[in-house]
């Protein structure tokens, strides 16, 4: 069982890291600007699932492999960066197809929502910031003498996921609200959608160019 002290200490550490916008936050903002609130919230959900998959990977030893192997780390990072650029290019290409009357997707487009969640999962699970944080920080708050180390890590991992759910949702709602202010004009809406696409492309390039501190 994880102690209350460990949970509170890890929560404080997580908050310090999460309040600094990283790839996941910027991705949510870009998706909100490009596609609106519904897509932003689905992206948040996918990001959280992806982040928790990183927790599971670290808990069961896979995270250590990625963290210690420069080649594997680079592969994961470049895969995530390439996918961000791809999503940004798609958002920019289809920016003129958005209309002020279509701020939110129709309720029947469940498949589109699922695809959005899957996009968020892929970006979340290839997030270098999340990978390094969980691999380097999470084990420090585990009581090895108490045993069940993977279970302790998975419980602790719920803390940053919960904090991220709140902060990422606020970022997404804020960005989608800003987008809605431009919705009276299809031309301005197209410009905002293009800006969201450029933001994702820029984020992908930044992630790809960011080195690891070895």
Protein backbone atom coordinates (compact mmCIF):
# COMPACT_ATOMS: atom_id res chain seq x y z
CA UNK A 1 0.00 0.00 0.00
CA UNK A 2 1.32 3.44 -0.96
CA UNK A 3 1.66 5.80 2.00
CA UNK A 4 -0.22 9.09 2.15
CA UNK A 5 3.08 10.93 2.47
CA UNK A 6 4.38 9.42 -0.77
CA UNK A 7 1.17 10.29 -2.62
CA UNK A 8 1.21 13.90 -1.43
CA UNK A 9 4.92 14.32 -2.19
CA UNK A 10 4.50 12.83 -5.66
CA UNK A 11 1.42 15.01 -6.26
CA UNK A 12 3.45 18.12 -5.43
CA UNK A 13 6.26 17.03 -7.74
CA UNK A 14 3.77 16.18 -10.51
CA UNK A 15 2.05 19.54 -10.22
CA UNK A 16 5.35 21.38 -10.61
CA UNK A 17 6.04 19.47 -13.83
CA UNK A 18 2.52 19.59 -15.24
CA UNK A 19 2.01 23.35 -14.82
CA UNK A 20 4.82 23.84 -17.35
CA UNK A 21 3.08 23.23 -20.72
CA UNK A 22 4.62 20.31 -22.57
CA UNK A 23 3.83 18.41 -25.78
CA UNK A 24 0.51 17.05 -24.49
CA UNK A 25 -0.83 20.48 -23.49
CA UNK A 26 0.31 22.11 -26.72
CA UNK A 27 -1.21 19.26 -28.70
CA UNK A 28 -4.56 19.72 -26.95
CA UNK A 29 -4.45 23.47 -27.67
CA UNK A 30 -3.60 22.86 -31.32
CA UNK A 31 -6.45 20.37 -31.71
CA UNK A 32 -8.85 22.74 -29.97
CA UNK A 33 -7.94 25.59 -32.30
CA UNK A 34 -8.11 23.39 -35.37
CA UNK A 35 -11.24 21.36 -34.59
CA UNK A 36 -13.10 22.70 -31.54
CA UNK A 37 -14.15 21.67 -28.06
CA UNK A 38 -15.36 18.13 -28.75
CA UNK A 39 -12.12 17.14 -30.42
CA UNK A 40 -10.11 18.85 -27.67
CA UNK A 41 -11.87 16.87 -24.92
CA UNK A 42 -11.49 13.59 -26.82
CA UNK A 43 -7.80 14.44 -27.26
CA UNK A 44 -7.46 15.02 -23.51
CA UNK A 45 -8.95 11.59 -22.85
CA UNK A 46 -6.56 9.95 -25.30
CA UNK A 47 -3.57 11.79 -23.83
CA UNK A 48 -4.46 10.63 -20.33
CA UNK A 49 -4.76 7.01 -21.47
CA UNK A 50 -1.42 7.31 -23.27
CA UNK A 51 0.21 8.81 -20.18
CA UNK A 52 -1.05 5.99 -18.00
CA UNK A 53 0.28 3.46 -20.49
CA UNK A 54 3.68 5.06 -19.90
CA UNK A 55 3.16 4.54 -16.17
CA UNK A 56 2.40 0.86 -16.81
CA UNK A 57 5.49 0.55 -19.02
CA UNK A 58 7.70 2.02 -16.31
CA UNK A 59 6.05 -0.10 -13.61
CA UNK A 60 6.76 -3.31 -15.48
CA UNK A 61 10.28 -2.43 -16.57
CA UNK A 62 9.76 -1.35 -20.19
CA UNK A 63 10.28 2.30 -19.34
CA UNK A 64 13.78 1.58 -18.06
CA UNK A 65 14.68 0.04 -21.43
CA UNK A 66 13.50 3.09 -23.33
CA UNK A 67 15.20 5.48 -20.91
CA UNK A 68 18.57 3.71 -20.93
CA UNK A 69 18.70 2.98 -24.67
CA UNK A 70 19.42 6.09 -26.73
CA UNK A 71 18.35 4.33 -29.92
CA UNK A 72 14.98 3.20 -28.55
CA UNK A 73 14.35 6.59 -26.98
CA UNK A 74 15.14 8.34 -30.27
CA UNK A 75 12.82 5.97 -32.15
CA UNK A 76 9.92 6.64 -29.80
CA UNK A 77 10.53 10.39 -29.89
CA UNK A 78 10.75 10.60 -33.68
CA UNK A 79 7.62 8.47 -34.11
CA UNK A 80 5.66 10.84 -31.92
CA UNK A 81 7.12 13.90 -33.65
CA UNK A 82 6.30 12.55 -37.11
CA UNK A 83 2.71 11.85 -36.10
CA UNK A 84 2.31 15.36 -34.69
CA UNK A 85 3.54 16.84 -37.97
CA UNK A 86 1.16 14.57 -39.90
CA UNK A 87 -1.84 15.70 -37.84
CA UNK A 88 -0.79 19.33 -38.20
CA UNK A 89 -0.49 19.03 -41.99
CA UNK A 90 -3.94 17.42 -42.17
CA UNK A 91 -5.47 20.19 -40.04
CA UNK A 92 -3.88 22.86 -42.24
CA UNK A 93 -4.92 21.19 -45.50
CA UNK A 94 -8.55 20.94 -44.41
CA UNK A 95 -8.78 24.35 -42.73
CA UNK A 96 -11.04 25.77 -45.47
CA UNK A 97 -13.56 22.97 -45.01
CA UNK A 98 -14.56 24.27 -41.56
CA UNK A 99 -17.70 26.35 -41.29
CA UNK A 100 -19.02 28.51 -38.50
CA UNK A 101 -22.12 26.32 -38.30
CA UNK A 102 -19.99 23.24 -37.70
CA UNK A 103 -18.06 24.21 -34.55
CA UNK A 104 -18.87 20.85 -33.00
CA UNK A 105 -19.09 17.58 -34.88
CA UNK A 106 -22.51 15.91 -35.20
CA UNK A 107 -23.42 13.62 -32.33
CA UNK A 108 -23.50 10.56 -34.60
CA UNK A 109 -19.79 10.70 -35.50
CA UNK A 110 -18.70 8.17 -32.89
CA UNK A 111 -16.02 6.73 -35.15
CA UNK A 112 -14.43 10.15 -35.52
CA UNK A 113 -14.41 10.54 -31.75
CA UNK A 114 -12.71 7.15 -31.38
CA UNK A 115 -10.09 8.13 -33.95
CA UNK A 116 -9.44 11.34 -32.04
CA UNK A 117 -8.97 9.42 -28.79
CA UNK A 118 -6.56 7.05 -30.54
CA UNK A 119 -4.61 10.03 -31.88
CA UNK A 120 -4.33 11.35 -28.33
CA UNK A 121 -3.17 7.96 -27.03
CA UNK A 122 -0.39 7.74 -29.61
CA UNK A 123 0.84 11.26 -28.85
CA UNK A 124 0.58 10.67 -25.10
CA UNK A 125 2.48 7.39 -25.15
CA UNK A 126 5.31 8.88 -27.26
CA UNK A 127 5.60 12.05 -25.18
CA UNK A 128 9.33 12.38 -24.24
CA UNK A 129 8.53 14.64 -21.27
CA UNK A 130 6.14 12.08 -19.78
CA UNK A 131 8.50 9.18 -20.44
CA UNK A 132 11.47 10.83 -18.77
CA UNK A 133 9.38 12.03 -15.82
CA UNK A 134 7.86 8.64 -15.06
CA UNK A 135 11.09 6.71 -15.62
CA UNK A 136 13.27 9.04 -13.55
CA UNK A 137 10.91 10.33 -10.83
CA UNK A 138 8.22 7.72 -10.22
CA UNK A 139 10.54 5.02 -8.77
CA UNK A 140 11.82 7.49 -6.15
CA UNK A 141 8.44 7.54 -4.40
CA UNK A 142 8.06 3.77 -4.12
CA UNK A 143 8.62 1.92 -0.85
CA UNK A 144 10.66 -1.07 -2.03
CA UNK A 145 10.59 -2.63 1.42
CA UNK A 146 6.80 -2.87 1.25
CA UNK A 147 6.92 -5.00 -1.89
CA UNK A 148 4.45 -4.99 -4.82
CA UNK A 149 6.53 -2.29 -6.52
CA UNK A 150 4.66 -2.36 -9.88
CA UNK A 151 1.33 -1.99 -8.08
CA UNK A 152 2.66 0.95 -6.07
CA UNK A 153 3.85 2.65 -9.27
CA UNK A 154 0.49 2.14 -10.96
CA UNK A 155 -1.33 3.65 -7.98
CA UNK A 156 1.05 6.61 -7.85
CA UNK A 157 0.66 7.05 -11.60
CA UNK A 158 -3.00 7.90 -11.12
CA UNK A 159 -1.95 11.12 -9.36
CA UNK A 160 -0.38 12.98 -12.33
CA UNK A 161 -3.07 11.56 -14.61
CA UNK A 162 -5.74 13.07 -12.37
CA UNK A 163 -3.95 16.42 -12.23
CA UNK A 164 -3.43 16.34 -15.99
CA UNK A 165 -7.13 15.64 -16.55
CA UNK A 166 -8.02 18.89 -14.80
CA UNK A 167 -5.32 21.10 -16.30
CA UNK A 168 -5.51 19.72 -19.85
CA UNK A 169 -9.30 20.05 -19.86
CA UNK A 170 -9.00 23.69 -18.79
CA UNK A 171 -6.45 24.35 -21.53
CA UNK A 172 -8.68 22.66 -24.11
CA UNK A 173 -11.82 24.51 -23.05
CA UNK A 174 -9.95 27.83 -23.02
CA UNK A 175 -8.53 27.31 -26.50
CA UNK A 176 -11.87 26.14 -27.93
CA UNK A 177 -13.59 29.17 -26.38
CA UNK A 178 -11.07 31.43 -28.09
CA UNK A 179 -11.77 29.60 -31.33
CA UNK A 180 -15.50 30.16 -30.90
CA UNK A 181 -14.91 33.92 -30.78
CA UNK A 182 -13.84 33.73 -34.42
CA UNK A 183 -16.72 31.50 -35.48
CA UNK A 184 -18.86 34.32 -36.88
CA UNK A 185 -16.63 34.40 -39.94
CA UNK A 186 -15.74 31.32 -41.99
CA UNK A 187 -12.57 33.06 -43.15
CA UNK A 188 -11.42 33.80 -39.60
CA UNK A 189 -12.36 30.29 -38.53
CA UNK A 190 -10.26 28.92 -41.37
CA UNK A 191 -7.34 31.07 -40.21
CA UNK A 192 -7.66 29.77 -36.65
CA UNK A 193 -7.82 26.18 -37.91
CA UNK A 194 -4.67 26.81 -39.95
CA UNK A 195 -2.98 28.28 -36.87
CA UNK A 196 -3.82 25.12 -34.94
CA UNK A 197 -2.30 23.04 -37.72
CA UNK A 198 0.86 25.13 -37.72
CA UNK A 199 1.04 24.80 -33.93
CA UNK A 200 1.01 21.00 -34.18
CA UNK A 201 3.61 21.03 -36.96
CA UNK A 202 5.84 23.33 -34.90
CA UNK A 203 5.37 21.10 -31.86
CA UNK A 204 6.38 18.04 -33.87
CA UNK A 205 9.52 19.74 -35.13
CA UNK A 206 10.36 20.90 -31.60
CA UNK A 207 9.92 17.41 -30.15
CA UNK A 208 12.11 15.94 -32.89
CA UNK A 209 14.85 18.55 -32.32
CA UNK A 210 14.88 18.24 -28.55
CA UNK A 211 17.85 16.21 -27.37
CA UNK A 212 18.13 14.01 -24.30
CA UNK A 213 20.37 14.86 -21.41
CA UNK A 214 22.83 11.95 -21.37
